[in-house]
Amino acid sequence: MARIALVCSRFHRENVETMLELAQSRAEDFGIEVIEVIWVPGSLEIPLAVKGLICRDDIDGAACLGIIEKGATQHGLVIGQAVVKTILELQLEYDKPIGLGIIGPGAEPEHVESRLAPHARGAIDAIAAVL
């Protein structure tokens, strides 16, 4: 049985908790065991937590869950680009799949709810496809 970790952003916690439940259920569908859930302040902190997890021998992959809403400036876009780039680099460095379940950057508040399930499940689907 494959074992994964989930890294969740506390920013927009209520919505991310929904994503967490959906991701855990999807992992069960594939027979993947979620052995650790880590909460971090925001999406910017996700890559560091992921790195600490995927370097472990008992973890076969990880999923990132969070939301980066559209703001008045380009701050969210910069954060989103840095997070995605770093996650891609971690996958290559550790040769383990990392499912990206981060909504945004640039998500409008009224569009977040409809994206919770597709992003949460999609992050697990990506891991399952690689494993």
N, C-alpha and C. Protein backbone atom coordinates (compact mmCIF):
# COMPACT_ATOMS: atom_id res chain seq x y z
N MET A 1 0.84 -1.18 0.00
CA MET A 1 0.00 0.00 0.00
C MET A 1 0.88 1.25 0.00
N ALA A 2 0.57 2.17 -0.89
CA ALA A 2 1.31 3.43 -0.95
C ALA A 2 0.92 4.30 0.24
N ARG A 3 1.90 5.08 0.71
CA ARG A 3 1.69 5.97 1.85
C ARG A 3 2.04 7.39 1.45
N ILE A 4 1.13 8.30 1.75
CA ILE A 4 1.36 9.70 1.38
C ILE A 4 1.12 10.62 2.56
N ALA A 5 1.54 11.86 2.38
CA ALA A 5 1.29 12.92 3.35
C ALA A 5 0.50 14.02 2.66
N LEU A 6 -0.24 14.77 3.43
CA LEU A 6 -0.98 15.91 2.92
C LEU A 6 -0.51 17.16 3.65
N VAL A 7 -0.23 18.21 2.88
CA VAL A 7 0.19 19.48 3.45
C VAL A 7 -0.90 20.50 3.13
N CYS A 8 -1.45 21.11 4.17
CA CYS A 8 -2.61 21.99 4.05
C CYS A 8 -2.30 23.39 4.55
N SER A 9 -2.78 24.37 3.82
CA SER A 9 -2.63 25.76 4.21
C SER A 9 -3.75 26.15 5.18
N ARG A 10 -3.38 26.80 6.29
CA ARG A 10 -4.38 27.27 7.26
C ARG A 10 -5.14 28.50 6.76
N PHE A 11 -4.58 29.20 5.78
CA PHE A 11 -5.28 30.36 5.22
C PHE A 11 -6.50 29.81 4.46
N HIS A 12 -7.67 30.32 4.71
CA HIS A 12 -8.93 29.76 4.17
C HIS A 12 -9.19 28.38 4.77
N ARG A 13 -8.93 28.24 6.05
CA ARG A 13 -8.95 26.93 6.71
C ARG A 13 -10.25 26.15 6.50
N GLU A 14 -11.39 26.80 6.61
CA GLU A 14 -12.66 26.07 6.46
C GLU A 14 -12.74 25.37 5.10
N ASN A 15 -12.39 26.08 4.06
CA ASN A 15 -12.42 25.48 2.72
C ASN A 15 -11.35 24.41 2.57
N VAL A 16 -10.19 24.63 3.14
CA VAL A 16 -9.11 23.65 3.02
C VAL A 16 -9.45 22.39 3.83
N GLU A 17 -10.17 22.54 4.93
CA GLU A 17 -10.62 21.35 5.67
C GLU A 17 -11.55 20.50 4.80
N THR A 18 -12.40 21.15 4.02
CA THR A 18 -13.25 20.42 3.08
C THR A 18 -12.38 19.70 2.05
N MET A 19 -11.37 20.38 1.54
CA MET A 19 -10.45 19.76 0.58
C MET A 19 -9.74 18.57 1.20
N LEU A 20 -9.34 18.70 2.46
CA LEU A 20 -8.66 17.62 3.16
C LEU A 20 -9.54 16.38 3.23
N GLU A 21 -10.79 16.56 3.62
CA GLU A 21 -11.72 15.43 3.69
C GLU A 21 -11.89 14.77 2.32
N LEU A 22 -12.02 15.57 1.29
CA LEU A 22 -12.18 15.04 -0.06
C LEU A 22 -10.93 14.30 -0.52
N ALA A 23 -9.76 14.84 -0.21
CA ALA A 23 -8.50 14.20 -0.60
C ALA A 23 -8.32 12.88 0.14
N GLN A 24 -8.65 12.86 1.42
CA GLN A 24 -8.52 11.62 2.18
C GLN A 24 -9.45 10.53 1.65
N SER A 25 -10.67 10.92 1.30
CA SER A 25 -11.62 9.98 0.74
C SER A 25 -11.14 9.44 -0.62
N ARG A 26 -10.59 10.33 -1.42
CA ARG A 26 -10.08 9.92 -2.74
C ARG A 26 -8.89 8.98 -2.58
N ALA A 27 -8.03 9.24 -1.63
CA ALA A 27 -6.89 8.36 -1.36
C ALA A 27 -7.39 6.96 -1.00
N GLU A 28 -8.42 6.88 -0.18
CA GLU A 28 -9.01 5.59 0.18
C GLU A 28 -9.50 4.85 -1.06
N ASP A 29 -10.10 5.60 -2.00
CA ASP A 29 -10.59 4.98 -3.24
C ASP A 29 -9.48 4.25 -3.98
N PHE A 30 -8.27 4.77 -3.90
CA PHE A 30 -7.12 4.18 -4.58
C PHE A 30 -6.33 3.21 -3.71
N GLY A 31 -6.75 3.04 -2.46
CA GLY A 31 -6.00 2.19 -1.55
C GLY A 31 -4.69 2.82 -1.10
N ILE A 32 -4.67 4.16 -1.07
CA ILE A 32 -3.50 4.91 -0.63
C ILE A 32 -3.73 5.33 0.81
N GLU A 33 -2.74 5.10 1.66
CA GLU A 33 -2.86 5.46 3.07
C GLU A 33 -2.27 6.85 3.32
N VAL A 34 -3.06 7.71 3.93
CA VAL A 34 -2.57 9.02 4.35
C VAL A 34 -1.99 8.84 5.75
N ILE A 35 -0.67 8.93 5.86
CA ILE A 35 -0.04 8.67 7.15
C ILE A 35 0.31 9.94 7.92
N GLU A 36 0.23 11.09 7.26
CA GLU A 36 0.54 12.34 7.97
C GLU A 36 -0.18 13.50 7.30
N VAL A 37 -0.70 14.40 8.13
CA VAL A 37 -1.31 15.65 7.67
C VAL A 37 -0.60 16.77 8.42
N ILE A 38 -0.07 17.72 7.66
CA ILE A 38 0.65 18.87 8.23
C ILE A 38 -0.10 20.14 7.83
N TRP A 39 -0.30 21.03 8.79
CA TRP A 39 -0.90 22.33 8.54
C TRP A 39 0.19 23.40 8.60
N VAL A 40 0.22 24.27 7.59
CA VAL A 40 1.19 25.36 7.53
C VAL A 40 0.42 26.68 7.42
N PRO A 41 1.06 27.82 7.72
CA PRO A 41 0.34 29.09 7.70
C PRO A 41 -0.32 29.42 6.36
N GLY A 42 0.41 29.28 5.27
CA GLY A 42 -0.13 29.63 3.96
C GLY A 42 0.53 28.81 2.87
N SER A 43 0.15 29.08 1.64
CA SER A 43 0.68 28.31 0.51
C SER A 43 2.19 28.47 0.35
N LEU A 44 2.72 29.62 0.73
CA LEU A 44 4.16 29.85 0.59
C LEU A 44 4.97 28.86 1.43
N GLU A 45 4.42 28.41 2.52
CA GLU A 45 5.13 27.48 3.41
C GLU A 45 4.97 26.02 3.01
N ILE A 46 4.11 25.73 2.05
CA ILE A 46 3.86 24.35 1.64
C ILE A 46 5.12 23.64 1.14
N PRO A 47 5.92 24.23 0.25
CA PRO A 47 7.09 23.49 -0.26
C PRO A 47 8.07 23.04 0.83
N LEU A 48 8.31 23.85 1.83
CA LEU A 48 9.23 23.46 2.89
C LEU A 48 8.69 22.25 3.65
N ALA A 49 7.41 22.27 3.96
CA ALA A 49 6.81 21.13 4.66
C ALA A 49 6.85 19.88 3.79
N VAL A 50 6.56 20.05 2.50
CA VAL A 50 6.61 18.91 1.58
C VAL A 50 8.01 18.32 1.53
N LYS A 51 9.00 19.17 1.46
CA LYS A 51 10.38 18.67 1.40
C LYS A 51 10.71 17.83 2.63
N GLY A 52 10.30 18.29 3.79
CA GLY A 52 10.55 17.54 5.02
C GLY A 52 9.86 16.20 5.05
N LEU A 53 8.79 16.08 4.31
CA LEU A 53 8.03 14.83 4.28
C LEU A 53 8.52 13.86 3.21
N ILE A 54 8.73 14.35 2.00
CA ILE A 54 9.05 13.41 0.92
C ILE A 54 10.47 12.88 0.97
N CYS A 55 11.30 13.45 1.81
CA CYS A 55 12.64 12.89 1.97
C CYS A 55 12.61 11.65 2.87
N ARG A 56 11.47 11.40 3.51
CA ARG A 56 11.34 10.25 4.39
C ARG A 56 11.10 8.96 3.59
N ASP A 57 11.67 7.88 4.05
CA ASP A 57 11.51 6.59 3.39
C ASP A 57 10.10 6.02 3.52
N ASP A 58 9.37 6.43 4.55
CA ASP A 58 8.03 5.87 4.76
C ASP A 58 6.94 6.65 4.03
N ILE A 59 7.30 7.63 3.23
CA ILE A 59 6.33 8.42 2.47
C ILE A 59 6.65 8.32 0.99
N ASP A 60 5.63 7.90 0.21
CA ASP A 60 5.80 7.68 -1.23
C ASP A 60 5.42 8.89 -2.07
N GLY A 61 4.74 9.86 -1.48
CA GLY A 61 4.33 11.05 -2.21
C GLY A 61 3.61 12.00 -1.27
N ALA A 62 3.22 13.15 -1.81
CA ALA A 62 2.53 14.15 -1.00
C ALA A 62 1.55 14.93 -1.86
N ALA A 63 0.53 15.48 -1.21
CA ALA A 63 -0.41 16.36 -1.89
C ALA A 63 -0.44 17.69 -1.15
N CYS A 64 -0.57 18.76 -1.91
CA CYS A 64 -0.61 20.12 -1.38
C CYS A 64 -2.03 20.66 -1.55
N LEU A 65 -2.60 21.17 -0.48
CA LEU A 65 -3.96 21.70 -0.53
C LEU A 65 -3.97 23.13 -0.01
N GLY A 66 -4.50 24.05 -0.81
CA GLY A 66 -4.56 25.44 -0.39
C GLY A 66 -5.32 26.28 -1.39
N ILE A 67 -5.40 27.56 -1.09
CA ILE A 67 -6.12 28.51 -1.93
C ILE A 67 -5.33 29.81 -1.97
N ILE A 68 -5.11 30.30 -3.19
CA ILE A 68 -4.48 31.62 -3.35
C ILE A 68 -5.48 32.48 -4.11
N GLU A 69 -6.17 33.35 -3.38
CA GLU A 69 -7.19 34.20 -3.99
C GLU A 69 -6.57 35.37 -4.74
N LYS A 70 -7.37 35.92 -5.62
CA LYS A 70 -6.97 37.13 -6.34
C LYS A 70 -7.00 38.29 -5.35
N GLY A 71 -5.94 39.07 -5.37
CA GLY A 71 -5.88 40.24 -4.51
C GLY A 71 -5.79 41.51 -5.34
N ALA A 72 -5.56 42.61 -4.66
CA ALA A 72 -5.47 43.91 -5.32
C ALA A 72 -4.13 44.09 -6.03
N THR A 73 -3.14 43.26 -5.69
CA THR A 73 -1.81 43.36 -6.30
C THR A 73 -1.44 42.01 -6.92
N GLN A 74 -0.24 41.91 -7.44
CA GLN A 74 0.25 40.67 -8.05
C GLN A 74 0.89 39.72 -7.03
N HIS A 75 0.75 40.02 -5.75
CA HIS A 75 1.36 39.22 -4.69
C HIS A 75 1.00 37.73 -4.81
N GLY A 76 -0.27 37.43 -4.99
CA GLY A 76 -0.71 36.04 -5.09
C GLY A 76 -0.11 35.33 -6.29
N LEU A 77 0.00 36.03 -7.40
CA LEU A 77 0.59 35.44 -8.60
C LEU A 77 2.05 35.08 -8.36
N VAL A 78 2.78 35.98 -7.74
CA VAL A 78 4.19 35.72 -7.43
C VAL A 78 4.32 34.52 -6.49
N ILE A 79 3.49 34.48 -5.46
CA ILE A 79 3.50 33.35 -4.51
C ILE A 79 3.19 32.05 -5.26
N GLY A 80 2.14 32.07 -6.05
CA GLY A 80 1.74 30.87 -6.78
C GLY A 80 2.83 30.35 -7.70
N GLN A 81 3.47 31.22 -8.43
CA GLN A 81 4.54 30.80 -9.34
C GLN A 81 5.71 30.20 -8.57
N ALA A 82 6.08 30.82 -7.45
CA ALA A 82 7.19 30.31 -6.66
C ALA A 82 6.86 28.94 -6.06
N VAL A 83 5.65 28.78 -5.57
CA VAL A 83 5.24 27.51 -4.96
C VAL A 83 5.23 26.39 -6.01
N VAL A 84 4.62 26.63 -7.14
CA VAL A 84 4.54 25.60 -8.17
C VAL A 84 5.92 25.23 -8.68
N LYS A 85 6.76 26.22 -8.93
CA LYS A 85 8.11 25.93 -9.41
C LYS A 85 8.88 25.08 -8.41
N THR A 86 8.78 25.42 -7.14
CA THR A 86 9.49 24.67 -6.11
C THR A 86 8.94 23.25 -5.98
N ILE A 87 7.64 23.09 -6.06
CA ILE A 87 7.04 21.75 -5.98
C ILE A 87 7.52 20.89 -7.14
N LEU A 88 7.57 21.45 -8.33
CA LEU A 88 8.07 20.70 -9.49
C LEU A 88 9.53 20.28 -9.27
N GLU A 89 10.33 21.18 -8.75
CA GLU A 89 11.73 20.86 -8.49
C GLU A 89 11.87 19.76 -7.43
N LEU A 90 11.01 19.78 -6.41
CA LEU A 90 11.06 18.75 -5.37
C LEU A 90 10.70 17.37 -5.93
N GLN A 91 9.72 17.34 -6.83
CA GLN A 91 9.36 16.06 -7.46
C GLN A 91 10.56 15.46 -8.18
N LEU A 92 11.25 16.29 -8.91
CA LEU A 92 12.40 15.81 -9.67
C LEU A 92 13.57 15.43 -8.75
N GLU A 93 13.78 16.21 -7.70
CA GLU A 93 14.88 15.94 -6.79
C GLU A 93 14.69 14.63 -6.03
N TYR A 94 13.46 14.37 -5.57
CA TYR A 94 13.21 13.20 -4.74
C TYR A 94 12.55 12.05 -5.50
N ASP A 95 12.21 12.26 -6.75
CA ASP A 95 11.59 11.23 -7.59
C ASP A 95 10.34 10.65 -6.93
N LYS A 96 9.54 11.54 -6.37
CA LYS A 96 8.27 11.15 -5.74
C LYS A 96 7.20 12.13 -6.21
N PRO A 97 5.98 11.64 -6.43
CA PRO A 97 4.92 12.52 -6.93
C PRO A 97 4.39 13.46 -5.86
N ILE A 98 4.11 14.68 -6.29
CA ILE A 98 3.49 15.68 -5.42
C ILE A 98 2.25 16.20 -6.17
N GLY A 99 1.10 15.92 -5.62
CA GLY A 99 -0.15 16.37 -6.22
C GLY A 99 -0.43 17.82 -5.86
N LEU A 100 -0.73 18.61 -6.86
CA LEU A 100 -0.97 20.04 -6.65
C LEU A 100 -2.46 20.30 -6.53
N GLY A 101 -2.91 20.55 -5.33
CA GLY A 101 -4.31 20.86 -5.07
C GLY A 101 -4.46 22.27 -4.53
N ILE A 102 -3.76 23.19 -5.15
CA ILE A 102 -3.84 24.60 -4.73
C ILE A 102 -4.70 25.34 -5.75
N ILE A 103 -5.79 25.89 -5.27
CA ILE A 103 -6.69 26.67 -6.12
C ILE A 103 -6.08 28.05 -6.30
N GLY A 104 -5.97 28.49 -7.53
CA GLY A 104 -5.38 29.79 -7.82
C GLY A 104 -3.98 29.62 -8.36
N PRO A 105 -3.20 30.65 -8.42
CA PRO A 105 -3.47 31.98 -7.89
C PRO A 105 -4.52 32.72 -8.73
N GLY A 106 -5.08 33.71 -8.13
CA GLY A 106 -6.05 34.54 -8.83
C GLY A 106 -7.47 34.06 -8.72
N ALA A 107 -7.74 33.14 -7.79
CA ALA A 107 -9.09 32.64 -7.62
C ALA A 107 -10.00 33.73 -7.06
N GLU A 108 -11.14 33.90 -7.68
CA GLU A 108 -12.14 34.83 -7.18
C GLU A 108 -12.93 34.12 -6.07
N PRO A 109 -13.25 34.81 -4.98
CA PRO A 109 -13.95 34.16 -3.86
C PRO A 109 -15.20 33.39 -4.28
N GLU A 110 -15.95 33.90 -5.24
CA GLU A 110 -17.19 33.25 -5.65
C GLU A 110 -16.95 31.96 -6.47
N HIS A 111 -15.72 31.73 -6.89
CA HIS A 111 -15.41 30.53 -7.67
C HIS A 111 -14.70 29.45 -6.86
N VAL A 112 -14.36 29.74 -5.63
CA VAL A 112 -13.57 28.80 -4.83
C VAL A 112 -14.35 27.52 -4.53
N GLU A 113 -15.58 27.65 -4.07
CA GLU A 113 -16.33 26.47 -3.63
C GLU A 113 -16.47 25.42 -4.72
N SER A 114 -16.72 25.85 -5.95
CA SER A 114 -16.89 24.88 -7.03
C SER A 114 -15.59 24.19 -7.42
N ARG A 115 -14.47 24.72 -6.97
CA ARG A 115 -13.17 24.14 -7.31
C ARG A 115 -12.60 23.26 -6.19
N LEU A 116 -13.21 23.25 -5.03
CA LEU A 116 -12.68 22.49 -3.91
C LEU A 116 -12.52 21.01 -4.25
N ALA A 117 -13.59 20.39 -4.70
CA ALA A 117 -13.54 18.95 -5.00
C ALA A 117 -12.62 18.62 -6.17
N PRO A 118 -12.72 19.31 -7.30
CA PRO A 118 -11.83 18.95 -8.41
C PRO A 118 -10.35 19.08 -8.08
N HIS A 119 -9.98 20.11 -7.33
CA HIS A 119 -8.56 20.30 -6.99
C HIS A 119 -8.09 19.28 -5.95
N ALA A 120 -8.90 19.02 -4.94
CA ALA A 120 -8.52 18.06 -3.90
C ALA A 120 -8.40 16.66 -4.48
N ARG A 121 -9.39 16.25 -5.24
CA ARG A 121 -9.36 14.90 -5.83
C ARG A 121 -8.28 14.81 -6.90
N GLY A 122 -8.12 15.88 -7.66
CA GLY A 122 -7.11 15.89 -8.72
C GLY A 122 -5.70 15.72 -8.19
N ALA A 123 -5.42 16.28 -7.02
CA ALA A 123 -4.09 16.13 -6.42
C ALA A 123 -3.82 14.66 -6.11
N ILE A 124 -4.83 13.96 -5.61
CA ILE A 124 -4.67 12.54 -5.31
C ILE A 124 -4.63 11.72 -6.59
N ASP A 125 -5.45 12.07 -7.56
CA ASP A 125 -5.43 11.36 -8.85
C ASP A 125 -4.04 11.41 -9.48
N ALA A 126 -3.39 12.56 -9.38
CA ALA A 126 -2.04 12.71 -9.96
C ALA A 126 -1.05 11.80 -9.26
N ILE A 127 -1.14 11.74 -7.96
CA ILE A 127 -0.22 10.85 -7.20
C ILE A 127 -0.49 9.40 -7.58
N ALA A 128 -1.77 9.01 -7.60
CA ALA A 128 -2.12 7.63 -7.92
C ALA A 128 -1.65 7.24 -9.32
N ALA A 129 -1.73 8.15 -10.26
CA ALA A 129 -1.30 7.86 -11.63
C ALA A 129 0.19 7.57 -11.71
N VAL A 130 0.96 8.29 -10.91
CA VAL A 130 2.42 8.11 -10.93
C VAL A 130 2.83 6.86 -10.13
N LEU A 131 2.17 6.64 -8.99
CA LEU A 131 2.53 5.50 -8.16
C LEU A 131 2.08 4.21 -8.81
